[in-house]
Amino acid sequence: MSRKIKPDALEVVEPIGLRVLIRKDDDKKQTRSGLHLPDKLEIPTLTGRIVSVSAQVESDKNYPVRKYDRVLFNPKHSVPVDFEGDNRLYVVPIEDVVAVMRRTPIESSDNDDEMKLRPDVHDEP
């Protein structure tokens, strides 16, 4: 007799300590210019989306990451999670998250230097 899983009883992976759960982006097989990449190309950093943030990281203002952020991370100390069958989930120490990629309008920036770098924005005489 097989057991059926109740729809309200789903398994979740929740990182603890100074860790986040990241879903790795799909591997690129081709560059924008059309060059095909070998299957075994070793890339020291990966990109992905944060799926879950530990309570410790979430409460610490020194770590500016939140759920759904796209990040660049070093997979060296990451722990792969064989949860969905596609092995794209990783528990990553927060110190291995090296960058957060967010889309923010440049006009909303308080930094005047950023505005000066835009070629279409000129100072009025």
PDB file of N, CA and C in Angstrom:
ATOM      1  N   MET A   1       0.839  -1.163   0.000  1.00  0.00           N
ATOM      2  CA  MET A   1       0.000   0.000   0.000  1.00  0.00           C
ATOM      3  C   MET A   1       0.895   1.241   0.000  1.00  0.00           C
ATOM      4  N   SER A   2       0.706   2.131  -0.959  1.00  0.00           N
ATOM      5  CA  SER A   2       1.528   3.334  -1.037  1.00  0.00           C
ATOM      6  C   SER A   2       0.879   4.468  -0.257  1.00  0.00           C
ATOM      7  N   ARG A   3       1.730   5.288   0.330  1.00  0.00           N
ATOM      8  CA  ARG A   3       1.238   6.440   1.091  1.00  0.00           C
ATOM      9  C   ARG A   3       1.109   7.636   0.172  1.00  0.00           C
ATOM     10  N   LYS A   4       0.064   8.355   0.314  1.00  0.00           N
ATOM     11  CA  LYS A   4      -0.121   9.577  -0.466  1.00  0.00           C
ATOM     12  C   LYS A   4       0.277  10.764   0.394  1.00  0.00           C
ATOM     13  N   ILE A   5       0.956  11.698  -0.228  1.00  0.00           N
ATOM     14  CA  ILE A   5       1.365  12.906   0.482  1.00  0.00           C
ATOM     15  C   ILE A   5       0.212  13.891   0.450  1.00  0.00           C
ATOM     16  N   LYS A   6      -0.115  14.408   1.600  1.00  0.00           N
ATOM     17  CA  LYS A   6      -1.175  15.403   1.682  1.00  0.00           C
ATOM     18  C   LYS A   6      -0.707  16.683   0.994  1.00  0.00           C
ATOM     19  N   PRO A   7      -1.593  17.352   0.267  1.00  0.00           N
ATOM     20  CA  PRO A   7      -1.189  18.588  -0.412  1.00  0.00           C
ATOM     21  C   PRO A   7      -0.685  19.668   0.538  1.00  0.00           C
ATOM     22  N   ASP A   8      -1.143  19.647   1.795  1.00  0.00           N
ATOM     23  CA  ASP A   8      -0.705  20.673   2.733  1.00  0.00           C
ATOM     24  C   ASP A   8       0.562  20.282   3.489  1.00  0.00           C
ATOM     25  N   ALA A   9       1.168  19.152   3.146  1.00  0.00           N
ATOM     26  CA  ALA A   9       2.384  18.687   3.813  1.00  0.00           C
ATOM     27  C   ALA A   9       3.526  18.639   2.809  1.00  0.00           C
ATOM     28  N   LEU A  10       4.039  19.810   2.441  1.00  0.00           N
ATOM     29  CA  LEU A  10       5.131  19.895   1.484  1.00  0.00           C
ATOM     30  C   LEU A  10       6.461  20.013   2.210  1.00  0.00           C
ATOM     31  N   GLU A  11       7.487  19.411   1.622  1.00  0.00           N
ATOM     32  CA  GLU A  11       8.830  19.533   2.185  1.00  0.00           C
ATOM     33  C   GLU A  11       9.426  20.869   1.766  1.00  0.00           C
ATOM     34  N   VAL A  12      10.135  21.483   2.672  1.00  0.00           N
ATOM     35  CA  VAL A  12      10.838  22.724   2.371  1.00  0.00           C
ATOM     36  C   VAL A  12      12.268  22.604   2.871  1.00  0.00           C
ATOM     37  N   VAL A  13      13.145  23.355   2.255  1.00  0.00           N
ATOM     38  CA  VAL A  13      14.539  23.423   2.691  1.00  0.00           C
ATOM     39  C   VAL A  13      14.736  24.820   3.254  1.00  0.00           C
ATOM     40  N   GLU A  14      15.105  24.903   4.517  1.00  0.00           N
ATOM     41  CA  GLU A  14      15.314  26.190   5.169  1.00  0.00           C
ATOM     42  C   GLU A  14      16.746  26.253   5.679  1.00  0.00           C
ATOM     43  N   PRO A  15      17.552  27.176   5.132  1.00  0.00           N
ATOM     44  CA  PRO A  15      18.930  27.281   5.605  1.00  0.00           C
ATOM     45  C   PRO A  15      18.981  27.810   7.032  1.00  0.00           C
ATOM     46  N   ILE A  16      19.990  27.374   7.776  1.00  0.00           N
ATOM     47  CA  ILE A  16      20.194  27.870   9.137  1.00  0.00           C
ATOM     48  C   ILE A  16      21.602  28.441   9.241  1.00  0.00           C
ATOM     49  N   GLY A  17      21.817  29.270  10.231  1.00  0.00           N
ATOM     50  CA  GLY A  17      23.122  29.916  10.374  1.00  0.00           C
ATOM     51  C   GLY A  17      23.274  31.027   9.352  1.00  0.00           C
ATOM     52  N   LEU A  18      24.490  31.316   8.982  1.00  0.00           N
ATOM     53  CA  LEU A  18      24.771  32.370   8.005  1.00  0.00           C
ATOM     54  C   LEU A  18      24.767  31.789   6.593  1.00  0.00           C
ATOM     55  N   ARG A  19      23.598  31.315   6.157  1.00  0.00           N
ATOM     56  CA  ARG A  19      23.479  30.657   4.855  1.00  0.00           C
ATOM     57  C   ARG A  19      22.212  31.106   4.137  1.00  0.00           C
ATOM     58  N   VAL A  20      22.248  30.939   2.812  1.00  0.00           N
ATOM     59  CA  VAL A  20      21.076  31.185   1.975  1.00  0.00           C
ATOM     60  C   VAL A  20      20.883  29.986   1.058  1.00  0.00           C
ATOM     61  N   LEU A  21      19.668  29.804   0.581  1.00  0.00           N
ATOM     62  CA  LEU A  21      19.362  28.746  -0.377  1.00  0.00           C
ATOM     63  C   LEU A  21      19.224  29.401  -1.738  1.00  0.00           C
ATOM     64  N   ILE A  22      20.007  28.910  -2.715  1.00  0.00           N
ATOM     65  CA  ILE A  22      20.044  29.513  -4.047  1.00  0.00           C
ATOM     66  C   ILE A  22      19.684  28.472  -5.095  1.00  0.00           C
ATOM     67  N   ARG A  23      18.829  28.883  -6.048  1.00  0.00           N
ATOM     68  CA  ARG A  23      18.548  28.051  -7.222  1.00  0.00           C
ATOM     69  C   ARG A  23      19.466  28.551  -8.334  1.00  0.00           C
ATOM     70  N   LYS A  24      20.389  27.697  -8.735  1.00  0.00           N
ATOM     71  CA  LYS A  24      21.379  28.049  -9.755  1.00  0.00           C
ATOM     72  C   LYS A  24      20.687  28.281 -11.092  1.00  0.00           C
ATOM     73  N   ASP A  25      21.138  29.309 -11.818  1.00  0.00           N
ATOM     74  CA  ASP A  25      20.630  29.560 -13.163  1.00  0.00           C
ATOM     75  C   ASP A  25      21.041  28.426 -14.091  1.00  0.00           C
ATOM     76  N   ASP A  26      20.297  28.255 -15.172  1.00  0.00           N
ATOM     77  CA  ASP A  26      20.645  27.249 -16.171  1.00  0.00           C
ATOM     78  C   ASP A  26      22.011  27.565 -16.760  1.00  0.00           C
ATOM     79  N   ASP A  27      22.769  26.518 -17.064  1.00  0.00           N
ATOM     80  CA  ASP A  27      24.072  26.694 -17.687  1.00  0.00           C
ATOM     81  C   ASP A  27      23.890  27.216 -19.104  1.00  0.00           C
ATOM     82  N   LYS A  28      24.751  28.139 -19.479  1.00  0.00           N
ATOM     83  CA  LYS A  28      24.695  28.679 -20.834  1.00  0.00           C
ATOM     84  C   LYS A  28      25.465  27.756 -21.759  1.00  0.00           C
ATOM     85  N   LYS A  29      24.864  27.441 -22.882  1.00  0.00           N
ATOM     86  CA  LYS A  29      25.506  26.588 -23.883  1.00  0.00           C
ATOM     87  C   LYS A  29      26.107  27.413 -25.015  1.00  0.00           C
ATOM     88  N   GLN A  30      25.704  28.700 -25.079  1.00  0.00           N
ATOM     89  CA  GLN A  30      26.157  29.541 -26.165  1.00  0.00           C
ATOM     90  C   GLN A  30      26.272  30.980 -25.666  1.00  0.00           C
ATOM     91  N   THR A  31      27.304  31.688 -26.144  1.00  0.00           N
ATOM     92  CA  THR A  31      27.471  33.086 -25.770  1.00  0.00           C
ATOM     93  C   THR A  31      26.540  33.955 -26.606  1.00  0.00           C
ATOM     94  N   ARG A  32      26.409  35.224 -26.226  1.00  0.00           N
ATOM     95  CA  ARG A  32      25.562  36.146 -27.001  1.00  0.00           C
ATOM     96  C   ARG A  32      26.049  36.302 -28.431  1.00  0.00           C
ATOM     97  N   SER A  33      27.362  36.195 -28.625  1.00  0.00           N
ATOM     98  CA  SER A  33      27.911  36.349 -29.971  1.00  0.00           C
ATOM     99  C   SER A  33      27.815  35.071 -30.797  1.00  0.00           C
ATOM    100  N   GLY A  34      27.316  33.978 -30.198  1.00  0.00           N
ATOM    101  CA  GLY A  34      27.092  32.755 -30.956  1.00  0.00           C
ATOM    102  C   GLY A  34      28.119  31.661 -30.748  1.00  0.00           C
ATOM    103  N   LEU A  35      29.125  31.887 -29.906  1.00  0.00           N
ATOM    104  CA  LEU A  35      30.130  30.858 -29.655  1.00  0.00           C
ATOM    105  C   LEU A  35      29.543  29.762 -28.772  1.00  0.00           C
ATOM    106  N   HIS A  36      29.751  28.515 -29.152  1.00  0.00           N
ATOM    107  CA  HIS A  36      29.268  27.389 -28.357  1.00  0.00           C
ATOM    108  C   HIS A  36      30.276  27.076 -27.254  1.00  0.00           C
ATOM    109  N   LEU A  37      29.776  26.870 -26.046  1.00  0.00           N
ATOM    110  CA  LEU A  37      30.633  26.589 -24.896  1.00  0.00           C
ATOM    111  C   LEU A  37      30.722  25.090 -24.665  1.00  0.00           C
ATOM    112  N   PRO A  38      31.911  24.590 -24.303  1.00  0.00           N
ATOM    113  CA  PRO A  38      32.031  23.158 -24.008  1.00  0.00           C
ATOM    114  C   PRO A  38      31.244  22.792 -22.753  1.00  0.00           C
ATOM    115  N   ASP A  39      30.779  21.537 -22.678  1.00  0.00           N
ATOM    116  CA  ASP A  39      29.980  21.081 -21.541  1.00  0.00           C
ATOM    117  C   ASP A  39      30.740  21.138 -20.230  1.00  0.00           C
ATOM    118  N   LYS A  40      32.017  20.894 -20.253  1.00  0.00           N
ATOM    119  CA  LYS A  40      32.817  20.811 -19.025  1.00  0.00           C
ATOM    120  C   LYS A  40      33.564  22.102 -18.719  1.00  0.00           C
ATOM    121  N   LEU A  41      33.074  23.227 -19.226  1.00  0.00           N
ATOM    122  CA  LEU A  41      33.714  24.501 -18.953  1.00  0.00           C
ATOM    123  C   LEU A  41      33.633  24.795 -17.460  1.00  0.00           C
ATOM    124  N   GLU A  42      34.783  25.000 -16.841  1.00  0.00           N
ATOM    125  CA  GLU A  42      34.806  25.246 -15.397  1.00  0.00           C
ATOM    126  C   GLU A  42      34.744  26.739 -15.132  1.00  0.00           C
ATOM    127  N   ILE A  43      33.685  27.168 -14.482  1.00  0.00           N
ATOM    128  CA  ILE A  43      33.500  28.566 -14.139  1.00  0.00           C
ATOM    129  C   ILE A  43      33.537  28.671 -12.615  1.00  0.00           C
ATOM    130  N   PRO A  44      34.437  29.511 -12.058  1.00  0.00           N
ATOM    131  CA  PRO A  44      34.585  29.557 -10.605  1.00  0.00           C
ATOM    132  C   PRO A  44      33.416  30.205  -9.872  1.00  0.00           C
ATOM    133  N   THR A  45      32.594  30.977 -10.554  1.00  0.00           N
ATOM    134  CA  THR A  45      31.428  31.577  -9.909  1.00  0.00           C
ATOM    135  C   THR A  45      30.184  31.258 -10.716  1.00  0.00           C
ATOM    136  N   LEU A  46      29.043  31.246 -10.032  1.00  0.00           N
ATOM    137  CA  LEU A  46      27.767  30.934 -10.660  1.00  0.00           C
ATOM    138  C   LEU A  46      26.761  32.022 -10.323  1.00  0.00           C
ATOM    139  N   THR A  47      25.703  32.081 -11.119  1.00  0.00           N
ATOM    140  CA  THR A  47      24.609  32.988 -10.806  1.00  0.00           C
ATOM    141  C   THR A  47      23.373  32.180 -10.455  1.00  0.00           C
ATOM    142  N   GLY A  48      22.506  32.798  -9.680  1.00  0.00           N
ATOM    143  CA  GLY A  48      21.270  32.137  -9.300  1.00  0.00           C
ATOM    144  C   GLY A  48      20.359  33.087  -8.553  1.00  0.00           C
ATOM    145  N   ARG A  49      19.196  32.582  -8.173  1.00  0.00           N
ATOM    146  CA  ARG A  49      18.205  33.354  -7.408  1.00  0.00           C
ATOM    147  C   ARG A  49      18.122  32.834  -5.986  1.00  0.00           C
ATOM    148  N   ILE A  50      18.031  33.734  -5.042  1.00  0.00           N
ATOM    149  CA  ILE A  50      17.862  33.332  -3.650  1.00  0.00           C
ATOM    150  C   ILE A  50      16.432  32.840  -3.463  1.00  0.00           C
ATOM    151  N   VAL A  51      16.311  31.617  -2.980  1.00  0.00           N
ATOM    152  CA  VAL A  51      15.016  30.991  -2.737  1.00  0.00           C
ATOM    153  C   VAL A  51      14.598  31.215  -1.290  1.00  0.00           C
ATOM    154  N   SER A  52      15.568  31.158  -0.387  1.00  0.00           N
ATOM    155  CA  SER A  52      15.278  31.292   1.035  1.00  0.00           C
ATOM    156  C   SER A  52      16.497  31.873   1.744  1.00  0.00           C
ATOM    157  N   VAL A  53      16.229  32.666   2.768  1.00  0.00           N
ATOM    158  CA  VAL A  53      17.285  33.292   3.560  1.00  0.00           C
ATOM    159  C   VAL A  53      17.108  32.840   5.002  1.00  0.00           C
ATOM    160  N   SER A  54      18.201  32.459   5.654  1.00  0.00           N
ATOM    161  CA  SER A  54      18.097  32.044   7.061  1.00  0.00           C
ATOM    162  C   SER A  54      17.662  33.231   7.918  1.00  0.00           C
ATOM    163  N   ALA A  55      17.074  32.939   9.052  1.00  0.00           N
ATOM    164  CA  ALA A  55      16.618  33.990   9.969  1.00  0.00           C
ATOM    165  C   ALA A  55      17.782  34.856  10.431  1.00  0.00           C
ATOM    166  N   GLN A  56      18.948  34.241  10.616  1.00  0.00           N
ATOM    167  CA  GLN A  56      20.123  34.980  11.081  1.00  0.00           C
ATOM    168  C   GLN A  56      20.591  35.990  10.036  1.00  0.00           C
ATOM    169  N   VAL A  57      20.606  35.593   8.768  1.00  0.00           N
ATOM    170  CA  VAL A  57      21.012  36.506   7.696  1.00  0.00           C
ATOM    171  C   VAL A  57      19.951  37.588   7.503  1.00  0.00           C
ATOM    172  N   GLU A  58      18.691  37.195   7.549  1.00  0.00           N
ATOM    173  CA  GLU A  58      17.593  38.139   7.337  1.00  0.00           C
ATOM    174  C   GLU A  58      17.571  39.254   8.388  1.00  0.00           C
ATOM    175  N   SER A  59      17.927  38.932   9.605  1.00  0.00           N
ATOM    176  CA  SER A  59      17.887  39.929  10.678  1.00  0.00           C
ATOM    177  C   SER A  59      19.153  40.774  10.761  1.00  0.00           C
ATOM    178  N   ASP A  60      20.202  40.391  10.036  1.00  0.00           N
ATOM    179  CA  ASP A  60      21.470  41.122  10.077  1.00  0.00           C
ATOM    180  C   ASP A  60      21.517  42.134   8.930  1.00  0.00           C
ATOM    181  N   LYS A  61      21.551  43.407   9.255  1.00  0.00           N
ATOM    182  CA  LYS A  61      21.548  44.475   8.243  1.00  0.00           C
ATOM    183  C   LYS A  61      22.864  44.553   7.462  1.00  0.00           C
ATOM    184  N   ASN A  62      23.902  43.831   7.891  1.00  0.00           N
ATOM    185  CA  ASN A  62      25.170  43.819   7.163  1.00  0.00           C
ATOM    186  C   ASN A  62      25.099  42.994   5.884  1.00  0.00           C
ATOM    187  N   TYR A  63      24.052  42.198   5.730  1.00  0.00           N
ATOM    188  CA  TYR A  63      23.895  41.352   4.543  1.00  0.00           C
ATOM    189  C   TYR A  63      22.699  41.849   3.741  1.00  0.00           C
ATOM    190  N   PRO A  64      22.954  42.601   2.671  1.00  0.00           N
ATOM    191  CA  PRO A  64      21.858  43.211   1.908  1.00  0.00           C
ATOM    192  C   PRO A  64      21.238  42.265   0.880  1.00  0.00           C
ATOM    193  N   VAL A  65      20.915  41.065   1.285  1.00  0.00           N
ATOM    194  CA  VAL A  65      20.283  40.117   0.368  1.00  0.00           C
ATOM    195  C   VAL A  65      18.882  39.807   0.871  1.00  0.00           C
ATOM    196  N   ARG A  66      18.011  39.511  -0.078  1.00  0.00           N
ATOM    197  CA  ARG A  66      16.656  39.118   0.281  1.00  0.00           C
ATOM    198  C   ARG A  66      16.145  38.093  -0.726  1.00  0.00           C
ATOM    199  N   LYS A  67      15.058  37.485  -0.392  1.00  0.00           N
ATOM    200  CA  LYS A  67      14.468  36.454  -1.237  1.00  0.00           C
ATOM    201  C   LYS A  67      14.212  37.024  -2.634  1.00  0.00           C
ATOM    202  N   TYR A  68      14.475  36.211  -3.644  1.00  0.00           N
ATOM    203  CA  TYR A  68      14.299  36.511  -5.069  1.00  0.00           C
ATOM    204  C   TYR A  68      15.412  37.364  -5.667  1.00  0.00           C
ATOM    205  N   ASP A  69      16.403  37.790  -4.882  1.00  0.00           N
ATOM    206  CA  ASP A  69      17.534  38.516  -5.461  1.00  0.00           C
ATOM    207  C   ASP A  69      18.312  37.590  -6.380  1.00  0.00           C
ATOM    208  N   ARG A  70      18.817  38.145  -7.477  1.00  0.00           N
ATOM    209  CA  ARG A  70      19.726  37.400  -8.341  1.00  0.00           C
ATOM    210  C   ARG A  70      21.128  37.703  -7.836  1.00  0.00           C
ATOM    211  N   VAL A  71      21.922  36.650  -7.629  1.00  0.00           N
ATOM    212  CA  VAL A  71      23.239  36.818  -7.024  1.00  0.00           C
ATOM    213  C   VAL A  71      24.312  36.073  -7.812  1.00  0.00           C
ATOM    214  N   LEU A  72      25.531  36.501  -7.585  1.00  0.00           N
ATOM    215  CA  LEU A  72      26.719  35.828  -8.088  1.00  0.00           C
ATOM    216  C   LEU A  72      27.355  35.178  -6.873  1.00  0.00           C
ATOM    217  N   PHE A  73      27.630  33.864  -6.952  1.00  0.00           N
ATOM    218  CA  PHE A  73      28.185  33.183  -5.785  1.00  0.00           C
ATOM    219  C   PHE A  73      29.289  32.222  -6.175  1.00  0.00           C
ATOM    220  N   ASN A  74      30.188  31.983  -5.216  1.00  0.00           N
ATOM    221  CA  ASN A  74      31.277  31.029  -5.389  1.00  0.00           C
ATOM    222  C   ASN A  74      30.779  29.678  -4.884  1.00  0.00           C
ATOM    223  N   PRO A  75      30.754  28.648  -5.736  1.00  0.00           N
ATOM    224  CA  PRO A  75      30.187  27.358  -5.334  1.00  0.00           C
ATOM    225  C   PRO A  75      31.130  26.471  -4.525  1.00  0.00           C
ATOM    226  N   LYS A  76      32.346  26.949  -4.226  1.00  0.00           N
ATOM    227  CA  LYS A  76      33.345  26.094  -3.583  1.00  0.00           C
ATOM    228  C   LYS A  76      32.860  25.478  -2.270  1.00  0.00           C
ATOM    229  N   HIS A  77      32.213  26.259  -1.410  1.00  0.00           N
ATOM    230  CA  HIS A  77      31.757  25.754  -0.111  1.00  0.00           C
ATOM    231  C   HIS A  77      30.253  25.479  -0.081  1.00  0.00           C
ATOM    232  N   SER A  78      29.625  25.509  -1.242  1.00  0.00           N
ATOM    233  CA  SER A  78      28.181  25.285  -1.322  1.00  0.00           C
ATOM    234  C   SER A  78      27.846  23.814  -1.165  1.00  0.00           C
ATOM    235  N   VAL A  79      26.675  23.561  -0.621  1.00  0.00           N
ATOM    236  CA  VAL A  79      26.201  22.187  -0.446  1.00  0.00           C
ATOM    237  C   VAL A  79      25.038  21.973  -1.404  1.00  0.00           C
ATOM    238  N   PRO A  80      25.199  21.071  -2.395  1.00  0.00           N
ATOM    239  CA  PRO A  80      24.085  20.814  -3.307  1.00  0.00           C
ATOM    240  C   PRO A  80      22.956  20.090  -2.581  1.00  0.00           C
ATOM    241  N   VAL A  81      21.730  20.452  -2.912  1.00  0.00           N
ATOM    242  CA  VAL A  81      20.553  19.856  -2.288  1.00  0.00           C
ATOM    243  C   VAL A  81      19.850  19.011  -3.334  1.00  0.00           C
ATOM    244  N   ASP A  82      19.816  17.706  -3.116  1.00  0.00           N
ATOM    245  CA  ASP A  82      19.137  16.803  -4.049  1.00  0.00           C
ATOM    246  C   ASP A  82      17.676  16.718  -3.623  1.00  0.00           C
ATOM    247  N   PHE A  83      16.939  17.774  -3.932  1.00  0.00           N
ATOM    248  CA  PHE A  83      15.578  17.920  -3.440  1.00  0.00           C
ATOM    249  C   PHE A  83      14.563  17.845  -4.569  1.00  0.00           C
ATOM    250  N   GLU A  84      14.874  18.468  -5.690  1.00  0.00           N
ATOM    251  CA  GLU A  84      13.946  18.510  -6.807  1.00  0.00           C
ATOM    252  C   GLU A  84      14.343  17.567  -7.934  1.00  0.00           C
ATOM    253  N   GLY A  85      15.461  16.920  -7.817  1.00  0.00           N
ATOM    254  CA  GLY A  85      15.896  16.000  -8.857  1.00  0.00           C
ATOM    255  C   GLY A  85      16.765  16.625  -9.924  1.00  0.00           C
ATOM    256  N   ASP A  86      16.769  17.942 -10.030  1.00  0.00           N
ATOM    257  CA  ASP A  86      17.594  18.576 -11.059  1.00  0.00           C
ATOM    258  C   ASP A  86      18.889  19.158 -10.497  1.00  0.00           C
ATOM    259  N   ASN A  87      19.108  19.020  -9.182  1.00  0.00           N
ATOM    260  CA  ASN A  87      20.342  19.452  -8.512  1.00  0.00           C
ATOM    261  C   ASN A  87      20.703  20.901  -8.818  1.00  0.00           C
ATOM    262  N   ARG A  88      19.723  21.774  -8.774  1.00  0.00           N
ATOM    263  CA  ARG A  88      19.982  23.188  -9.004  1.00  0.00           C
ATOM    264  C   ARG A  88      19.888  24.006  -7.723  1.00  0.00           C
ATOM    265  N   LEU A  89      19.573  23.361  -6.608  1.00  0.00           N
ATOM    266  CA  LEU A  89      19.498  24.070  -5.330  1.00  0.00           C
ATOM    267  C   LEU A  89      20.802  23.901  -4.561  1.00  0.00           C
ATOM    268  N   TYR A  90      21.277  25.005  -3.969  1.00  0.00           N
ATOM    269  CA  TYR A  90      22.509  24.982  -3.195  1.00  0.00           C
ATOM    270  C   TYR A  90      22.315  25.761  -1.899  1.00  0.00           C
ATOM    271  N   VAL A  91      22.797  25.202  -0.799  1.00  0.00           N
ATOM    272  CA  VAL A  91      22.890  25.951   0.452  1.00  0.00           C
ATOM    273  C   VAL A  91      24.272  26.592   0.428  1.00  0.00           C
ATOM    274  N   VAL A  92      24.286  27.927   0.489  1.00  0.00           N
ATOM    275  CA  VAL A  92      25.515  28.688   0.276  1.00  0.00           C
ATOM    276  C   VAL A  92      25.810  29.551   1.506  1.00  0.00           C
ATOM    277  N   PRO A  93      27.047  29.480   2.024  1.00  0.00           N
ATOM    278  CA  PRO A  93      27.425  30.403   3.103  1.00  0.00           C
ATOM    279  C   PRO A  93      27.330  31.841   2.591  1.00  0.00           C
ATOM    280  N   ILE A  94      26.829  32.727   3.415  1.00  0.00           N
ATOM    281  CA  ILE A  94      26.609  34.109   2.983  1.00  0.00           C
ATOM    282  C   ILE A  94      27.908  34.778   2.530  1.00  0.00           C
ATOM    283  N   GLU A  95      29.045  34.380   3.091  1.00  0.00           N
ATOM    284  CA  GLU A  95      30.311  34.996   2.666  1.00  0.00           C
ATOM    285  C   GLU A  95      30.722  34.575   1.254  1.00  0.00           C
ATOM    286  N   ASP A  96      30.085  33.533   0.698  1.00  0.00           N
ATOM    287  CA  ASP A  96      30.362  33.123  -0.678  1.00  0.00           C
ATOM    288  C   ASP A  96      29.446  33.800  -1.692  1.00  0.00           C
ATOM    289  N   VAL A  97      28.508  34.617  -1.224  1.00  0.00           N
ATOM    290  CA  VAL A  97      27.708  35.444  -2.132  1.00  0.00           C
ATOM    291  C   VAL A  97      28.537  36.696  -2.376  1.00  0.00           C
ATOM    292  N   VAL A  98      29.004  36.852  -3.618  1.00  0.00           N
ATOM    293  CA  VAL A  98      29.963  37.921  -3.898  1.00  0.00           C
ATOM    294  C   VAL A  98      29.329  39.170  -4.502  1.00  0.00           C
ATOM    295  N   ALA A  99      28.102  39.061  -5.031  1.00  0.00           N
ATOM    296  CA  ALA A  99      27.437  40.231  -5.609  1.00  0.00           C
ATOM    297  C   ALA A  99      25.938  39.993  -5.683  1.00  0.00           C
ATOM    298  N   VAL A 100      25.196  41.088  -5.572  1.00  0.00           N
ATOM    299  CA  VAL A 100      23.745  41.067  -5.749  1.00  0.00           C
ATOM    300  C   VAL A 100      23.447  41.867  -7.002  1.00  0.00           C
ATOM    301  N   MET A 101      22.633  41.306  -7.895  1.00  0.00           N
ATOM    302  CA  MET A 101      22.286  41.983  -9.143  1.00  0.00           C
ATOM    303  C   MET A 101      20.822  42.401  -9.077  1.00  0.00           C
ATOM    304  N   ARG A 102      20.599  43.712  -9.012  1.00  0.00           N
ATOM    305  CA  ARG A 102      19.237  44.249  -8.966  1.00  0.00           C
ATOM    306  C   ARG A 102      19.077  45.287 -10.053  1.00  0.00           C
ATOM    307  N   ARG A 103      17.882  45.384 -10.577  1.00  0.00           N
ATOM    308  CA  ARG A 103      17.579  46.430 -11.554  1.00  0.00           C
ATOM    309  C   ARG A 103      16.985  47.618 -10.806  1.00  0.00           C
ATOM    310  N   THR A 104      17.692  48.735 -10.864  1.00  0.00           N
ATOM    311  CA  THR A 104      17.175  49.952 -10.256  1.00  0.00           C
ATOM    312  C   THR A 104      17.304  51.073 -11.273  1.00  0.00           C
ATOM    313  N   PRO A 105      16.300  51.903 -11.401  1.00  0.00           N
ATOM    314  CA  PRO A 105      16.390  53.020 -12.351  1.00  0.00           C
ATOM    315  C   PRO A 105      17.494  53.974 -11.935  1.00  0.00           C
ATOM    316  N   ILE A 106      18.302  54.380 -12.878  1.00  0.00           N
ATOM    317  CA  ILE A 106      19.425  55.252 -12.557  1.00  0.00           C
ATOM    318  C   ILE A 106      18.936  56.617 -12.091  1.00  0.00           C
ATOM    319  N   GLU A 107      17.758  57.064 -12.555  1.00  0.00           N
ATOM    320  CA  GLU A 107      17.226  58.362 -12.145  1.00  0.00           C
ATOM    321  C   GLU A 107      16.873  58.389 -10.660  1.00  0.00           C
ATOM    322  N   SER A 108      16.558  57.244 -10.077  1.00  0.00           N
ATOM    323  CA  SER A 108      16.175  57.216  -8.669  1.00  0.00           C
ATOM    324  C   SER A 108      17.385  57.198  -7.741  1.00  0.00           C
ATOM    325  N   SER A 109      18.573  57.181  -8.317  1.00  0.00           N
ATOM    326  CA  SER A 109      19.787  57.132  -7.513  1.00  0.00           C
ATOM    327  C   SER A 109      20.072  58.494  -6.894  1.00  0.00           C
ATOM    328  N   ASP A 110      20.560  58.474  -5.671  1.00  0.00           N
ATOM    329  CA  ASP A 110      20.958  59.705  -5.001  1.00  0.00           C
ATOM    330  C   ASP A 110      22.390  60.093  -5.345  1.00  0.00           C
ATOM    331  N   ASN A 111      23.084  59.226  -6.074  1.00  0.00           N
ATOM    332  CA  ASN A 111      24.490  59.445  -6.374  1.00  0.00           C
ATOM    333  C   ASN A 111      24.618  60.280  -7.648  1.00  0.00           C
ATOM    334  N   ASP A 112      25.091  61.528  -7.534  1.00  0.00           N
ATOM    335  CA  ASP A 112      25.232  62.406  -8.688  1.00  0.00           C
ATOM    336  C   ASP A 112      26.265  61.894  -9.670  1.00  0.00           C
ATOM    337  N   ASP A 113      27.286  61.173  -9.196  1.00  0.00           N
ATOM    338  CA  ASP A 113      28.320  60.656 -10.082  1.00  0.00           C
ATOM    339  C   ASP A 113      27.738  59.686 -11.096  1.00  0.00           C
ATOM    340  N   GLU A 114      26.751  58.887 -10.699  1.00  0.00           N
ATOM    341  CA  GLU A 114      26.129  57.954 -11.631  1.00  0.00           C
ATOM    342  C   GLU A 114      25.433  58.705 -12.749  1.00  0.00           C
ATOM    343  N   MET A 115      24.768  59.817 -12.424  1.00  0.00           N
ATOM    344  CA  MET A 115      24.075  60.602 -13.432  1.00  0.00           C
ATOM    345  C   MET A 115      25.072  61.195 -14.419  1.00  0.00           C
ATOM    346  N   LYS A 116      26.243  61.596 -13.945  1.00  0.00           N
ATOM    347  CA  LYS A 116      27.249  62.187 -14.819  1.00  0.00           C
ATOM    348  C   LYS A 116      27.850  61.159 -15.769  1.00  0.00           C
ATOM    349  N   LEU A 117      27.795  59.891 -15.419  1.00  0.00           N
ATOM    350  CA  LEU A 117      28.345  58.856 -16.286  1.00  0.00           C
ATOM    351  C   LEU A 117      27.437  58.553 -17.470  1.00  0.00           C
ATOM    352  N   ARG A 118      26.174  58.916 -17.390  1.00  0.00           N
ATOM    353  CA  ARG A 118      25.243  58.651 -18.482  1.00  0.00           C
ATOM    354  C   ARG A 118      25.481  59.647 -19.603  1.00  0.00           C
ATOM    355  N   PRO A 119      25.633  59.178 -20.853  1.00  0.00           N
ATOM    356  CA  PRO A 119      25.916  60.089 -21.957  1.00  0.00           C
ATOM    357  C   PRO A 119      24.734  60.989 -22.317  1.00  0.00           C
ATOM    358  N   ASP A 120      23.511  60.611 -21.967  1.00  0.00           N
ATOM    359  CA  ASP A 120      22.341  61.397 -22.348  1.00  0.00           C
ATOM    360  C   ASP A 120      21.944  62.421 -21.291  1.00  0.00           C
ATOM    361  N   VAL A 121      22.684  62.507 -20.199  1.00  0.00           N
ATOM    362  CA  VAL A 121      22.385  63.458 -19.133  1.00  0.00           C
ATOM    363  C   VAL A 121      23.500  64.499 -19.108  1.00  0.00           C
ATOM    364  N   HIS A 122      23.127  65.759 -19.312  1.00  0.00           N
ATOM    365  CA  HIS A 122      24.127  66.832 -19.344  1.00  0.00           C
ATOM    366  C   HIS A 122      23.789  67.867 -18.293  1.00  0.00           C
ATOM    367  N   ASP A 123      24.825  68.484 -17.770  1.00  0.00           N
ATOM    368  CA  ASP A 123      24.617  69.579 -16.827  1.00  0.00           C
ATOM    369  C   ASP A 123      24.154  70.805 -17.599  1.00  0.00           C
ATOM    370  N   GLU A 124      23.219  71.533 -17.040  1.00  0.00           N
ATOM    371  CA  GLU A 124      22.745  72.766 -17.662  1.00  0.00           C
ATOM    372  C   GLU A 124      23.719  73.887 -17.314  1.00  0.00           C
ATOM    373  N   PRO A 125      24.027  74.797 -18.270  1.00  0.00           N
ATOM    374  CA  PRO A 125      24.960  75.899 -17.973  1.00  0.00           C
ATOM    375  C   PRO A 125      24.357  76.937 -17.070  1.00  0.00           C
TER     376      PRO A 125
END
